[in-house]
N, C-alpha and C. Protein backbone atom coordinates (compact mmCIF):
# COMPACT_ATOMS: atom_id res chain seq x y z
N UNK A 1 191.07 134.13 118.63
CA UNK A 1 192.30 134.82 118.97
C UNK A 1 192.91 135.36 117.68
N UNK A 2 193.44 136.58 117.77
CA UNK A 2 194.15 137.20 116.65
C UNK A 2 195.64 137.18 116.96
N UNK A 3 196.37 136.49 116.12
CA UNK A 3 197.82 136.34 116.33
C UNK A 3 198.55 137.00 115.17
N UNK A 4 199.49 137.84 115.54
CA UNK A 4 200.31 138.54 114.57
C UNK A 4 201.75 138.08 114.79
N UNK A 5 202.44 137.79 113.72
CA UNK A 5 203.87 137.52 113.81
C UNK A 5 204.55 138.66 113.06
N UNK A 6 205.31 139.43 113.80
CA UNK A 6 206.02 140.57 113.21
C UNK A 6 207.48 140.17 113.11
N UNK A 7 208.01 140.27 111.93
CA UNK A 7 209.35 139.76 111.69
C UNK A 7 210.14 140.71 110.79
N UNK A 8 211.43 140.73 110.99
CA UNK A 8 212.31 141.59 110.21
C UNK A 8 212.81 140.84 109.00
N UNK A 9 212.69 141.46 107.84
CA UNK A 9 213.22 140.89 106.61
C UNK A 9 212.20 140.11 105.82
N UNK A 10 212.50 139.96 104.55
CA UNK A 10 211.62 139.25 103.64
C UNK A 10 212.08 137.80 103.52
N UNK A 11 211.12 136.90 103.54
CA UNK A 11 211.42 135.48 103.42
C UNK A 11 211.59 135.13 101.95
N UNK A 12 212.70 134.46 101.62
CA UNK A 12 212.99 134.13 100.22
C UNK A 12 213.03 132.63 99.96
N UNK A 13 213.36 131.84 100.99
CA UNK A 13 213.54 130.42 100.80
C UNK A 13 212.20 129.73 100.56
N UNK A 14 212.09 129.06 99.42
CA UNK A 14 210.84 128.44 99.02
C UNK A 14 210.33 127.40 100.02
N UNK A 15 211.24 126.57 100.54
CA UNK A 15 210.82 125.53 101.47
C UNK A 15 210.25 126.12 102.76
N UNK A 16 210.78 127.25 103.21
CA UNK A 16 210.25 127.90 104.41
C UNK A 16 208.88 128.53 104.11
N UNK A 17 208.76 129.16 102.95
CA UNK A 17 207.48 129.76 102.55
C UNK A 17 206.40 128.70 102.50
N UNK A 18 206.72 127.53 101.93
CA UNK A 18 205.74 126.44 101.83
C UNK A 18 205.36 125.90 103.20
N UNK A 19 206.33 125.71 104.07
CA UNK A 19 206.05 125.21 105.41
C UNK A 19 205.18 126.18 106.21
N UNK A 20 205.51 127.45 106.15
CA UNK A 20 204.73 128.46 106.87
C UNK A 20 203.32 128.53 106.30
N UNK A 21 203.18 128.45 104.99
CA UNK A 21 201.85 128.47 104.37
C UNK A 21 201.01 127.28 104.84
N UNK A 22 201.63 126.11 104.96
CA UNK A 22 200.91 124.93 105.41
C UNK A 22 200.40 125.10 106.84
N UNK A 23 201.25 125.54 107.75
CA UNK A 23 200.82 125.71 109.14
C UNK A 23 199.84 126.87 109.29
N UNK A 24 200.01 127.92 108.51
CA UNK A 24 199.07 129.04 108.55
C UNK A 24 197.68 128.57 108.11
N UNK A 25 197.65 127.73 107.09
CA UNK A 25 196.37 127.17 106.62
C UNK A 25 195.73 126.32 107.72
N UNK A 26 196.51 125.46 108.35
CA UNK A 26 196.00 124.62 109.44
C UNK A 26 195.50 125.47 110.61
N UNK A 27 196.22 126.54 110.90
CA UNK A 27 195.85 127.41 112.02
C UNK A 27 194.56 128.18 111.79
N UNK A 28 194.17 128.36 110.54
CA UNK A 28 192.97 129.15 110.25
C UNK A 28 191.71 128.58 110.89
N UNK A 29 191.73 127.30 111.25
CA UNK A 29 190.59 126.70 111.94
C UNK A 29 190.52 127.12 113.41
N UNK A 30 191.60 127.67 113.93
CA UNK A 30 191.69 128.00 115.36
C UNK A 30 191.80 129.50 115.65
N UNK A 31 192.48 130.21 114.78
CA UNK A 31 192.78 131.62 115.06
C UNK A 31 193.02 132.36 113.75
N UNK A 32 192.94 133.67 113.85
CA UNK A 32 193.31 134.50 112.71
C UNK A 32 194.79 134.82 112.88
N UNK A 33 195.58 134.46 111.89
CA UNK A 33 197.03 134.68 111.98
C UNK A 33 197.49 135.54 110.81
N UNK A 34 198.28 136.55 111.11
CA UNK A 34 198.85 137.39 110.07
C UNK A 34 200.35 137.50 110.30
N UNK A 35 201.07 137.52 109.21
CA UNK A 35 202.52 137.69 109.28
C UNK A 35 202.85 139.03 108.65
N UNK A 36 203.54 139.86 109.43
CA UNK A 36 203.91 141.20 108.99
C UNK A 36 205.43 141.24 108.89
N UNK A 37 205.91 141.54 107.70
CA UNK A 37 207.35 141.68 107.49
C UNK A 37 207.70 143.16 107.46
N UNK A 38 208.67 143.54 108.26
CA UNK A 38 209.20 144.91 108.19
C UNK A 38 210.58 144.83 107.56
N UNK A 39 210.95 145.86 106.80
CA UNK A 39 212.25 145.81 106.12
C UNK A 39 213.41 145.73 107.10
N UNK A 40 214.42 144.94 106.72
CA UNK A 40 215.63 144.93 107.53
C UNK A 40 216.48 146.13 107.14
N UNK A 41 217.31 146.55 108.06
CA UNK A 41 218.18 147.68 107.82
C UNK A 41 219.43 147.19 107.09
N UNK A 42 219.71 147.80 105.97
CA UNK A 42 220.90 147.42 105.21
C UNK A 42 222.14 147.85 105.98
N UNK A 43 223.08 146.93 106.10
CA UNK A 43 224.31 147.22 106.85
C UNK A 43 225.44 146.35 106.33
N UNK A 44 226.67 146.82 106.48
CA UNK A 44 227.81 145.99 106.07
C UNK A 44 227.93 144.77 106.96
N UNK A 45 228.70 143.80 106.50
CA UNK A 45 228.87 142.54 107.23
C UNK A 45 229.50 142.74 108.60
N UNK A 46 230.50 143.62 108.67
CA UNK A 46 231.19 143.88 109.94
C UNK A 46 230.76 145.25 110.45
N UNK A 47 230.23 145.26 111.70
CA UNK A 47 229.72 146.49 112.30
C UNK A 47 230.36 146.74 113.65
N UNK A 48 230.47 148.01 113.99
CA UNK A 48 230.90 148.35 115.35
C UNK A 48 229.70 148.15 116.27
N UNK A 49 229.95 148.17 117.57
CA UNK A 49 228.87 148.04 118.55
C UNK A 49 227.83 149.14 118.37
N UNK A 50 228.29 150.37 118.14
CA UNK A 50 227.38 151.51 117.95
C UNK A 50 226.53 151.33 116.69
N UNK A 51 227.14 150.81 115.63
CA UNK A 51 226.39 150.58 114.39
C UNK A 51 225.34 149.48 114.57
N UNK A 52 225.69 148.45 115.36
CA UNK A 52 224.73 147.38 115.64
C UNK A 52 223.52 147.93 116.39
N UNK A 53 223.77 148.75 117.37
CA UNK A 53 222.68 149.36 118.14
C UNK A 53 221.81 150.20 117.22
N UNK A 54 222.43 150.95 116.33
CA UNK A 54 221.68 151.81 115.41
C UNK A 54 220.80 150.97 114.48
N UNK A 55 221.32 149.87 113.95
CA UNK A 55 220.55 148.98 113.08
C UNK A 55 219.35 148.43 113.84
N UNK A 56 219.58 147.93 115.07
CA UNK A 56 218.49 147.37 115.87
C UNK A 56 217.45 148.44 116.20
N UNK A 57 217.90 149.68 116.46
CA UNK A 57 216.95 150.76 116.76
C UNK A 57 216.04 151.04 115.57
N UNK A 58 216.61 151.11 114.38
CA UNK A 58 215.81 151.39 113.18
C UNK A 58 214.82 150.27 112.91
N UNK A 59 215.29 149.01 113.03
CA UNK A 59 214.38 147.88 112.84
C UNK A 59 213.32 147.88 113.94
N UNK A 60 213.72 148.23 115.16
CA UNK A 60 212.79 148.28 116.28
C UNK A 60 211.68 149.30 116.07
N UNK A 61 212.03 150.44 115.52
CA UNK A 61 211.01 151.47 115.23
C UNK A 61 209.99 150.93 114.24
N UNK A 62 210.45 150.19 113.25
CA UNK A 62 209.54 149.61 112.26
C UNK A 62 208.63 148.56 112.91
N UNK A 63 209.20 147.77 113.81
CA UNK A 63 208.41 146.75 114.52
C UNK A 63 207.34 147.42 115.37
N UNK A 64 207.75 148.37 116.20
CA UNK A 64 206.81 149.01 117.13
C UNK A 64 205.69 149.76 116.41
N UNK A 65 205.96 150.22 115.20
CA UNK A 65 204.92 150.91 114.42
C UNK A 65 203.79 149.95 114.04
N UNK A 66 204.04 148.66 114.11
CA UNK A 66 203.04 147.65 113.72
C UNK A 66 202.28 147.07 114.92
N UNK A 67 202.63 147.48 116.13
CA UNK A 67 202.04 146.91 117.34
C UNK A 67 201.07 147.91 117.97
N UNK A 68 199.80 147.53 118.05
CA UNK A 68 198.80 148.37 118.70
C UNK A 68 198.97 148.33 120.22
N UNK A 69 198.44 149.34 120.89
CA UNK A 69 198.58 149.45 122.35
C UNK A 69 197.93 148.29 123.09
N UNK A 70 196.85 147.73 122.54
CA UNK A 70 196.10 146.68 123.26
C UNK A 70 196.60 145.27 122.95
N UNK A 71 197.74 145.16 122.32
CA UNK A 71 198.29 143.86 121.93
C UNK A 71 199.24 143.35 123.01
N UNK A 72 199.11 142.08 123.34
CA UNK A 72 200.06 141.41 124.24
C UNK A 72 201.24 140.98 123.37
N UNK A 73 202.40 141.58 123.63
CA UNK A 73 203.56 141.36 122.77
C UNK A 73 204.54 140.39 123.42
N UNK A 74 204.94 139.40 122.65
CA UNK A 74 205.91 138.40 123.09
C UNK A 74 207.12 138.47 122.17
N UNK A 75 208.25 138.85 122.74
CA UNK A 75 209.49 138.95 121.98
C UNK A 75 210.22 137.62 122.02
N UNK A 76 210.66 137.15 120.88
CA UNK A 76 211.50 135.96 120.85
C UNK A 76 212.93 136.41 121.07
N UNK A 77 213.51 135.96 122.17
CA UNK A 77 214.84 136.41 122.56
C UNK A 77 215.57 135.25 123.21
N UNK A 78 216.84 135.14 122.94
CA UNK A 78 217.62 134.01 123.45
C UNK A 78 217.64 133.98 124.98
N UNK A 79 217.48 135.14 125.63
CA UNK A 79 217.47 135.18 127.10
C UNK A 79 216.05 135.16 127.66
N UNK A 80 215.08 134.82 126.81
CA UNK A 80 213.70 134.72 127.27
C UNK A 80 213.45 133.42 128.02
N UNK A 81 212.23 133.28 128.50
CA UNK A 81 211.85 132.08 129.24
C UNK A 81 211.69 130.91 128.29
N UNK A 82 212.25 129.77 128.67
CA UNK A 82 212.09 128.56 127.88
C UNK A 82 210.88 127.79 128.41
N UNK A 83 210.07 127.28 127.50
CA UNK A 83 208.86 126.55 127.88
C UNK A 83 208.76 125.26 127.08
N UNK A 84 208.10 124.28 127.66
CA UNK A 84 207.75 123.09 126.88
C UNK A 84 206.58 123.47 125.97
N UNK A 85 206.26 122.60 125.03
CA UNK A 85 205.10 122.85 124.16
C UNK A 85 203.82 122.96 124.99
N UNK A 86 203.71 122.14 126.02
CA UNK A 86 202.53 122.17 126.88
C UNK A 86 202.44 123.48 127.66
N UNK A 87 203.56 123.96 128.16
CA UNK A 87 203.58 125.24 128.87
C UNK A 87 203.26 126.40 127.93
N UNK A 88 203.78 126.33 126.72
CA UNK A 88 203.50 127.35 125.71
C UNK A 88 202.00 127.37 125.41
N UNK A 89 201.41 126.18 125.23
CA UNK A 89 199.98 126.06 124.96
C UNK A 89 199.17 126.64 126.13
N UNK A 90 199.57 126.31 127.34
CA UNK A 90 198.88 126.81 128.54
C UNK A 90 198.93 128.34 128.59
N UNK A 91 200.08 128.90 128.24
CA UNK A 91 200.22 130.36 128.23
C UNK A 91 199.30 131.02 127.23
N UNK A 92 199.19 130.46 126.02
CA UNK A 92 198.27 131.01 125.02
C UNK A 92 196.83 130.89 125.48
N UNK A 93 196.50 129.76 126.08
CA UNK A 93 195.15 129.55 126.59
C UNK A 93 194.83 130.55 127.69
N UNK A 94 195.77 130.79 128.57
CA UNK A 94 195.58 131.75 129.66
C UNK A 94 195.34 133.16 129.10
N UNK A 95 196.09 133.54 128.08
CA UNK A 95 195.90 134.86 127.47
C UNK A 95 194.48 135.00 126.94
N UNK A 96 194.01 133.98 126.22
CA UNK A 96 192.66 134.02 125.65
C UNK A 96 191.61 134.06 126.76
N UNK A 97 191.81 133.30 127.81
CA UNK A 97 190.86 133.23 128.92
C UNK A 97 190.73 134.57 129.63
N UNK A 98 191.83 135.29 129.75
CA UNK A 98 191.81 136.56 130.49
C UNK A 98 191.75 137.78 129.58
N UNK A 99 191.16 137.61 128.42
CA UNK A 99 190.83 138.75 127.56
C UNK A 99 191.95 139.32 126.73
N UNK A 100 193.04 138.62 126.61
CA UNK A 100 194.14 139.08 125.75
C UNK A 100 194.05 138.34 124.43
N UNK A 101 193.05 138.71 123.62
CA UNK A 101 192.81 137.97 122.38
C UNK A 101 193.69 138.46 121.23
N UNK A 102 194.43 139.54 121.44
CA UNK A 102 195.35 140.04 120.42
C UNK A 102 196.77 139.83 120.93
N UNK A 103 197.50 138.98 120.21
CA UNK A 103 198.86 138.62 120.61
C UNK A 103 199.78 138.84 119.42
N UNK A 104 200.93 139.44 119.68
CA UNK A 104 201.94 139.62 118.64
C UNK A 104 203.24 138.97 119.09
N UNK A 105 203.75 138.10 118.25
CA UNK A 105 205.08 137.52 118.46
C UNK A 105 206.04 138.32 117.59
N UNK A 106 207.20 138.65 118.15
CA UNK A 106 208.15 139.47 117.41
C UNK A 106 209.47 138.71 117.25
N UNK A 107 209.90 138.61 116.00
CA UNK A 107 211.17 137.98 115.66
C UNK A 107 212.07 139.07 115.07
N UNK A 108 213.19 139.32 115.71
CA UNK A 108 214.10 140.35 115.26
C UNK A 108 214.91 139.93 114.05
N UNK A 109 215.74 140.82 113.61
CA UNK A 109 216.63 140.55 112.49
C UNK A 109 217.85 139.77 112.96
N UNK A 110 218.85 139.72 112.12
CA UNK A 110 220.04 138.92 112.42
C UNK A 110 220.81 139.43 113.64
N UNK A 111 220.60 140.68 114.02
CA UNK A 111 221.30 141.23 115.19
C UNK A 111 220.45 141.16 116.46
N UNK A 112 219.20 140.76 116.32
CA UNK A 112 218.33 140.69 117.48
C UNK A 112 217.36 141.86 117.55
N UNK A 113 216.85 142.12 118.76
CA UNK A 113 215.83 143.14 118.97
C UNK A 113 216.40 144.33 119.72
N UNK A 114 215.84 145.49 119.46
CA UNK A 114 216.27 146.71 120.14
C UNK A 114 215.77 146.72 121.59
N UNK A 115 216.39 147.55 122.40
CA UNK A 115 215.97 147.71 123.79
C UNK A 115 214.53 148.20 123.86
N UNK A 116 214.14 149.09 122.95
CA UNK A 116 212.77 149.62 122.96
C UNK A 116 211.75 148.51 122.73
N UNK A 117 212.04 147.58 121.83
CA UNK A 117 211.13 146.46 121.57
C UNK A 117 211.07 145.56 122.79
N UNK A 118 212.22 145.28 123.39
CA UNK A 118 212.25 144.40 124.57
C UNK A 118 211.49 145.04 125.74
N UNK A 119 211.60 146.36 125.89
CA UNK A 119 210.88 147.05 126.97
C UNK A 119 209.37 147.04 126.73
N UNK A 120 208.94 147.16 125.48
CA UNK A 120 207.51 147.15 125.15
C UNK A 120 206.90 145.77 125.33
N UNK A 121 207.72 144.74 125.21
CA UNK A 121 207.22 143.37 125.28
C UNK A 121 206.64 143.06 126.65
N UNK A 122 205.55 142.29 126.63
CA UNK A 122 204.95 141.82 127.87
C UNK A 122 205.68 140.59 128.40
N UNK A 123 206.35 139.87 127.52
CA UNK A 123 207.15 138.73 127.94
C UNK A 123 208.18 138.42 126.86
N UNK A 124 209.22 137.70 127.29
CA UNK A 124 210.25 137.25 126.36
C UNK A 124 210.23 135.73 126.36
N UNK A 125 210.31 135.16 125.19
CA UNK A 125 210.25 133.72 125.01
C UNK A 125 211.48 133.25 124.26
N UNK A 126 212.05 132.14 124.72
CA UNK A 126 213.20 131.55 124.05
C UNK A 126 212.85 130.13 123.61
N UNK A 127 213.30 129.76 122.44
CA UNK A 127 213.12 128.40 121.95
C UNK A 127 214.40 127.59 122.19
N UNK A 128 215.21 128.04 123.12
CA UNK A 128 216.41 127.31 123.48
C UNK A 128 217.65 128.16 123.31
N UNK A 129 218.75 127.60 123.71
CA UNK A 129 220.02 128.34 123.66
C UNK A 129 220.68 128.30 122.28
N UNK A 130 220.17 127.45 121.42
CA UNK A 130 220.71 127.40 120.06
C UNK A 130 220.35 128.68 119.31
N UNK A 131 221.25 129.12 118.46
CA UNK A 131 220.96 130.25 117.60
C UNK A 131 220.37 129.71 116.30
N UNK A 132 219.17 130.16 115.98
CA UNK A 132 218.52 129.74 114.73
C UNK A 132 218.41 130.94 113.80
N UNK A 133 218.51 130.74 112.50
CA UNK A 133 218.29 131.85 111.57
C UNK A 133 216.88 132.40 111.78
N UNK A 134 216.74 133.73 111.74
CA UNK A 134 215.42 134.30 112.01
C UNK A 134 214.38 133.86 110.99
N UNK A 135 214.79 133.53 109.77
CA UNK A 135 213.83 133.03 108.79
C UNK A 135 213.28 131.66 109.20
N UNK A 136 214.16 130.78 109.67
CA UNK A 136 213.74 129.45 110.12
C UNK A 136 212.87 129.57 111.38
N UNK A 137 213.16 130.55 112.21
CA UNK A 137 212.40 130.74 113.44
C UNK A 137 210.92 130.98 113.14
N UNK A 138 210.62 131.61 112.04
CA UNK A 138 209.20 131.82 111.65
C UNK A 138 208.47 130.50 111.53
N UNK A 139 209.10 129.55 110.84
CA UNK A 139 208.48 128.24 110.65
C UNK A 139 208.32 127.52 111.98
N UNK A 140 209.35 127.54 112.80
CA UNK A 140 209.29 126.88 114.11
C UNK A 140 208.18 127.51 114.95
N UNK A 141 208.08 128.82 114.96
CA UNK A 141 207.06 129.52 115.74
C UNK A 141 205.65 129.17 115.27
N UNK A 142 205.40 129.21 113.98
CA UNK A 142 204.06 128.90 113.45
C UNK A 142 203.68 127.46 113.78
N UNK A 143 204.64 126.55 113.68
CA UNK A 143 204.36 125.15 114.02
C UNK A 143 204.01 125.02 115.50
N UNK A 144 204.72 125.71 116.37
CA UNK A 144 204.46 125.62 117.80
C UNK A 144 203.13 126.26 118.18
N UNK A 145 202.74 127.31 117.50
CA UNK A 145 201.42 127.91 117.74
C UNK A 145 200.34 126.92 117.34
N UNK A 146 200.51 126.28 116.20
CA UNK A 146 199.54 125.26 115.76
C UNK A 146 199.48 124.12 116.76
N UNK A 147 200.63 123.64 117.20
CA UNK A 147 200.70 122.56 118.18
C UNK A 147 199.98 122.99 119.47
N UNK A 148 200.16 124.23 119.89
CA UNK A 148 199.52 124.73 121.11
C UNK A 148 198.00 124.66 121.02
N UNK A 149 197.45 125.06 119.89
CA UNK A 149 195.99 124.99 119.72
C UNK A 149 195.51 123.54 119.75
N UNK A 150 196.26 122.64 119.13
CA UNK A 150 195.88 121.22 119.16
C UNK A 150 195.93 120.68 120.59
N UNK A 151 196.97 121.03 121.31
CA UNK A 151 197.10 120.59 122.71
C UNK A 151 195.92 121.12 123.53
N UNK A 152 195.62 122.40 123.39
CA UNK A 152 194.57 123.03 124.19
C UNK A 152 193.18 122.46 123.90
N UNK A 153 193.01 121.89 122.73
CA UNK A 153 191.71 121.33 122.37
C UNK A 153 191.68 119.81 122.56
N UNK A 154 192.76 119.27 123.09
CA UNK A 154 192.81 117.84 123.34
C UNK A 154 192.83 117.02 122.07
N UNK A 155 193.29 117.62 120.99
CA UNK A 155 193.34 116.93 119.70
C UNK A 155 194.69 116.27 119.52
N UNK A 156 194.73 115.16 118.83
CA UNK A 156 196.02 114.49 118.63
C UNK A 156 196.94 115.32 117.74
N UNK A 157 198.20 115.24 118.05
CA UNK A 157 199.17 115.93 117.22
C UNK A 157 200.38 115.02 117.08
N UNK A 158 200.61 114.59 115.87
CA UNK A 158 201.73 113.68 115.65
C UNK A 158 202.47 113.97 114.36
N UNK A 159 202.15 115.08 113.70
CA UNK A 159 202.83 115.42 112.46
C UNK A 159 203.58 116.71 112.63
């Protein structure tokens, strides 16, 4: 399986970079994983509704430019479907079984995802009602993908 994580903004925090590198290394035994960072749109701290939409549209265009037509796209969105780790694993396994070997997970910027990105998505996934920084979400997502492969192969997972 080829898994792409498309995310807005550059990761700067050393502890997050190290954690993601560790899980990416572990995942290499199961799948090819690539992380694609697209630039975030520079904007002032306080924005009008119209300015927020414009920022999300520009970031969305950058995201969509990285997604091929044959990719199953999963947008991380607070209003997406919530799943247990086992359900998440089952979903990835089902995609692989039915010929969807190219999967892209999309993490938006601090304002979220544009309507165009949400419309292109094949599904929306939520990791709960809590708001997490999008940089931290990368680490959580990579860990859950790794956990899913371990679950699907009946391998123990306790770390």
